[in-house]
N, C-alpha and C. Protein backbone atom coordinates (compact mmCIF):
# COMPACT_ATOMS: atom_id res chain seq x y z
N UNK A 1 -31.91 26.89 30.37
CA UNK A 1 -31.46 27.08 29.03
C UNK A 1 -31.36 25.95 28.25
N UNK A 2 -31.89 26.27 27.27
CA UNK A 2 -32.10 24.94 26.30
C UNK A 2 -30.70 24.60 25.85
N UNK A 3 -30.58 23.24 25.52
CA UNK A 3 -29.49 22.54 25.21
C UNK A 3 -29.74 21.55 23.78
N UNK A 4 -28.59 21.38 23.23
CA UNK A 4 -28.86 20.65 21.90
C UNK A 4 -28.74 19.11 22.24
N UNK A 5 -29.75 18.39 21.77
CA UNK A 5 -29.62 16.98 22.19
C UNK A 5 -28.91 16.19 20.87
N UNK A 6 -28.57 16.96 19.96
CA UNK A 6 -28.16 16.29 18.84
C UNK A 6 -26.58 16.33 18.52
N UNK A 7 -25.69 16.80 19.66
CA UNK A 7 -24.40 16.75 19.43
C UNK A 7 -23.84 15.38 19.25
N UNK A 8 -24.20 14.49 19.61
CA UNK A 8 -23.84 13.18 19.42
C UNK A 8 -23.65 12.67 17.90
N UNK A 9 -24.40 13.33 17.10
CA UNK A 9 -24.69 12.87 15.65
C UNK A 9 -24.02 14.05 14.84
N UNK A 10 -23.00 14.77 15.47
CA UNK A 10 -22.13 15.70 14.81
C UNK A 10 -20.92 14.71 14.23
N UNK A 11 -20.64 14.85 12.50
CA UNK A 11 -19.73 13.77 12.12
C UNK A 11 -18.47 14.83 11.75
N UNK A 12 -17.45 14.33 11.55
CA UNK A 12 -16.45 14.82 10.66
C UNK A 12 -16.75 14.56 9.11
N UNK A 13 -17.23 15.90 8.65
CA UNK A 13 -17.67 15.73 7.22
C UNK A 13 -17.01 16.39 6.12
N UNK A 14 -16.76 16.08 4.92
CA UNK A 14 -16.21 16.40 3.61
C UNK A 14 -17.44 17.73 3.09
N UNK A 15 -16.76 19.10 2.84
CA UNK A 15 -17.80 19.82 2.34
C UNK A 15 -18.18 19.19 0.95
N UNK A 16 -19.36 19.74 0.64
CA UNK A 16 -19.96 19.30 -0.69
C UNK A 16 -19.32 19.93 -1.66
N UNK A 17 -19.04 21.38 -1.43
CA UNK A 17 -18.61 22.57 -2.15
C UNK A 17 -17.53 23.30 -1.34
N UNK A 18 -16.68 23.52 -2.25
CA UNK A 18 -15.51 24.74 -1.49
C UNK A 18 -15.68 25.91 -2.28
N UNK A 19 -16.64 25.89 -3.57
CA UNK A 19 -17.02 26.94 -4.23
C UNK A 19 -17.98 27.90 -3.93
N UNK A 20 -19.00 27.45 -2.91
CA UNK A 20 -20.05 27.95 -2.74
C UNK A 20 -21.31 27.32 -2.33
N UNK A 21 -22.46 27.99 -2.23
CA UNK A 21 -23.67 26.64 -2.19
C UNK A 21 -23.90 26.03 -3.10
N UNK A 22 -24.12 24.63 -2.68
CA UNK A 22 -24.10 23.32 -3.77
C UNK A 22 -25.48 23.85 -4.65
N UNK A 23 -26.40 24.21 -4.18
CA UNK A 23 -27.58 24.44 -4.81
C UNK A 23 -27.63 25.56 -5.40
N UNK A 24 -27.16 26.78 -5.36
CA UNK A 24 -27.19 27.99 -6.00
C UNK A 24 -26.22 27.89 -7.31
N UNK A 25 -25.31 27.20 -6.73
CA UNK A 25 -24.29 26.80 -8.03
C UNK A 25 -25.06 25.94 -9.10
N UNK A 26 -25.55 25.29 -9.01
CA UNK A 26 -26.41 24.31 -9.73
C UNK A 26 -27.70 25.16 -10.43
N UNK A 27 -28.16 26.19 -10.02
CA UNK A 27 -29.20 26.64 -10.36
C UNK A 27 -28.68 28.05 -10.90
N UNK A 28 -27.49 28.55 -10.73
CA UNK A 28 -27.24 29.59 -11.30
C UNK A 28 -27.66 31.09 -10.13
N UNK A 29 -27.74 30.41 -8.97
CA UNK A 29 -28.06 31.61 -7.92
C UNK A 29 -27.06 32.24 -7.22
N UNK A 30 -27.51 33.05 -6.15
CA UNK A 30 -26.30 33.47 -5.69
C UNK A 30 -26.97 33.50 -3.95
N UNK A 31 -25.69 33.75 -3.18
CA UNK A 31 -25.88 33.67 -1.90
C UNK A 31 -25.11 34.81 -0.93
N UNK A 32 -25.54 34.71 0.27
CA UNK A 32 -24.91 35.86 1.14
C UNK A 32 -23.96 35.15 2.09
N UNK A 33 -24.59 34.24 2.94
CA UNK A 33 -23.16 33.19 3.77
C UNK A 33 -23.39 31.92 3.42
N UNK A 34 -22.58 31.11 3.87
CA UNK A 34 -22.60 29.64 3.84
C UNK A 34 -22.78 28.88 5.18
N UNK A 35 -23.52 27.82 4.99
CA UNK A 35 -23.48 26.84 6.14
C UNK A 35 -23.06 25.52 5.79
N UNK A 36 -22.60 24.80 6.50
CA UNK A 36 -22.30 23.23 6.23
C UNK A 36 -23.00 22.46 7.09
N UNK A 37 -23.74 21.39 6.55
CA UNK A 37 -24.56 20.55 7.41
C UNK A 37 -23.64 19.62 8.06
N UNK A 38 -23.66 19.57 9.40
CA UNK A 38 -22.52 18.59 10.11
C UNK A 38 -23.06 17.15 10.34
N UNK A 39 -23.89 16.55 9.52
CA UNK A 39 -24.38 15.18 9.20
C UNK A 39 -23.63 14.81 8.13
N UNK A 40 -23.85 15.58 7.04
CA UNK A 40 -23.29 15.14 5.45
C UNK A 40 -22.68 15.92 4.82
N UNK A 41 -21.93 16.95 5.22
CA UNK A 41 -21.27 17.88 4.56
C UNK A 41 -21.94 18.90 3.66
N UNK A 42 -23.47 18.94 3.20
CA UNK A 42 -23.84 19.62 2.31
C UNK A 42 -23.33 21.04 2.61
N UNK A 43 -23.16 21.78 1.79
CA UNK A 43 -23.10 23.31 1.92
C UNK A 43 -24.16 24.12 1.27
N UNK A 44 -25.00 24.74 2.01
CA UNK A 44 -26.23 25.81 1.76
C UNK A 44 -25.66 27.04 2.10
N UNK A 45 -26.94 27.95 1.63
CA UNK A 45 -26.50 29.30 1.65
C UNK A 45 -27.69 29.62 2.92
N UNK A 46 -27.29 30.76 3.87
CA UNK A 46 -27.97 31.00 5.13
C UNK A 46 -29.62 31.81 4.57
N UNK A 47 -30.12 31.97 5.64
CA UNK A 47 -31.56 32.46 5.47
C UNK A 47 -31.72 34.05 5.08
N UNK A 48 -30.35 34.55 4.94
CA UNK A 48 -30.34 35.91 4.15
C UNK A 48 -30.46 35.90 2.84
N UNK A 49 -29.91 34.82 2.46
CA UNK A 49 -29.77 34.53 0.72
C UNK A 49 -31.10 34.33 0.32
N UNK A 50 -31.30 34.38 -1.04
CA UNK A 50 -32.60 34.22 -1.77
C UNK A 50 -33.04 32.53 -1.41
N UNK A 51 -32.29 31.65 -1.73
CA UNK A 51 -32.60 30.28 -1.68
C UNK A 51 -32.88 29.89 -0.14
N UNK A 52 -32.09 30.32 0.79
CA UNK A 52 -32.26 29.73 2.23
C UNK A 52 -31.95 28.18 1.75
N UNK A 53 -30.95 27.79 1.34
CA UNK A 53 -30.76 26.39 1.12
C UNK A 53 -30.24 25.76 1.99
N UNK A 54 -29.51 26.10 3.51
CA UNK A 54 -29.25 25.50 4.50
C UNK A 54 -30.45 24.93 5.38
N UNK A 55 -31.54 25.91 5.21
CA UNK A 55 -32.81 25.53 6.19
C UNK A 55 -33.48 24.39 5.07
N UNK A 56 -33.57 24.82 3.85
CA UNK A 56 -34.07 23.74 2.99
C UNK A 56 -33.62 22.39 3.25
N UNK A 57 -32.24 22.29 3.21
CA UNK A 57 -31.61 20.96 3.35
C UNK A 57 -31.84 20.40 4.83
N UNK A 58 -32.04 21.24 5.79
CA UNK A 58 -32.50 20.32 7.11
C UNK A 58 -33.88 20.01 6.93
N UNK A 59 -34.76 20.78 6.32
CA UNK A 59 -36.25 20.27 6.11
C UNK A 59 -36.46 18.97 5.31
N UNK A 60 -35.71 19.20 4.48
CA UNK A 60 -35.75 17.84 3.58
C UNK A 60 -34.97 16.63 4.21
N UNK A 61 -34.01 16.77 4.67
CA UNK A 61 -32.99 15.62 5.42
C UNK A 61 -33.57 15.51 7.19
N UNK A 62 -33.87 16.25 7.79
CA UNK A 62 -33.93 16.36 8.86
C UNK A 62 -32.56 16.29 9.83
N UNK A 63 -31.65 16.20 8.87
CA UNK A 63 -30.31 16.70 9.74
C UNK A 63 -30.07 17.89 10.52
N UNK A 64 -29.74 17.63 11.90
CA UNK A 64 -30.11 18.91 12.88
C UNK A 64 -29.25 19.74 13.00
N UNK A 65 -27.96 19.70 12.77
CA UNK A 65 -26.72 20.76 13.15
C UNK A 65 -25.94 21.03 12.08
N UNK A 66 -25.61 22.37 11.81
CA UNK A 66 -25.11 22.96 10.78
C UNK A 66 -23.76 23.90 11.34
N UNK A 67 -23.04 24.15 10.60
CA UNK A 67 -22.00 25.07 11.14
C UNK A 67 -21.57 26.41 10.10
N UNK A 68 -21.34 27.42 10.57
CA UNK A 68 -21.11 28.54 9.71
C UNK A 68 -19.81 28.03 8.90
N UNK A 69 -20.06 28.53 7.44
CA UNK A 69 -18.75 27.92 6.62
C UNK A 69 -18.15 29.10 6.12
N UNK A 70 -18.17 30.20 7.08
CA UNK A 70 -17.49 31.56 6.46
C UNK A 70 -15.87 31.45 7.39
N UNK A 71 -14.92 31.94 6.58
CA UNK A 71 -13.70 32.17 7.24
C UNK A 71 -13.84 32.88 8.19
N UNK A 72 -12.92 32.53 9.46
CA UNK A 72 -12.94 32.96 10.78
C UNK A 72 -14.38 32.88 11.86
N UNK A 73 -15.38 32.23 11.43
CA UNK A 73 -16.28 31.91 12.14
C UNK A 73 -16.48 30.34 12.60
N UNK A 74 -16.64 30.11 13.59
CA UNK A 74 -16.74 28.67 14.22
C UNK A 74 -17.77 28.16 14.93
N UNK A 75 -19.00 29.24 14.74
CA UNK A 75 -20.26 28.65 15.57
C UNK A 75 -21.12 27.50 15.03
N UNK A 76 -21.82 27.01 15.67
CA UNK A 76 -22.59 25.68 15.14
C UNK A 76 -24.27 26.36 15.60
N UNK A 77 -25.29 25.46 14.65
CA UNK A 77 -26.52 25.82 15.36
C UNK A 77 -27.25 24.73 14.91
N UNK A 78 -28.13 24.36 16.15
CA UNK A 78 -29.13 23.21 15.85
C UNK A 78 -30.44 23.66 15.59
N UNK A 79 -30.97 23.15 14.49
CA UNK A 79 -32.09 23.49 13.77
C UNK A 79 -33.33 23.16 14.82
N UNK A 80 -33.39 21.95 15.38
CA UNK A 80 -34.02 21.11 15.76
C UNK A 80 -34.76 21.89 17.23
N UNK A 81 -33.40 22.00 17.89
CA UNK A 81 -33.74 22.44 19.24
C UNK A 81 -33.52 24.08 19.45
N UNK A 82 -33.14 24.72 18.26
CA UNK A 82 -32.94 26.17 18.44
C UNK A 82 -32.17 26.89 19.01
N UNK A 83 -31.01 26.10 19.30
CA UNK A 83 -29.97 26.71 20.08
C UNK A 83 -28.66 26.63 19.36
N UNK A 84 -27.52 27.68 19.63
CA UNK A 84 -26.34 27.34 19.47
C UNK A 84 -25.48 26.07 20.12
N UNK A 85 -24.64 25.48 19.56
CA UNK A 85 -24.23 24.10 19.84
C UNK A 85 -22.69 24.80 20.33
């Protein structure tokens, strides 16, 4: 079973937005579900959303781990190792 090698890099972050996807809000777009980067706090939308901004943020920055930013959800995902954390 694969393990995440990036857990040590998870930080206590402040969300970039509590209103929704930062990038969608700036562009007037819409989102389905929200994700928060656990390196910097960037809030982006999921891959089911038109903008796929959480994945785009990972590709642009290399920040490896995000978490669901949806109420009642507490899962995390490592983009690099492609495993739940």
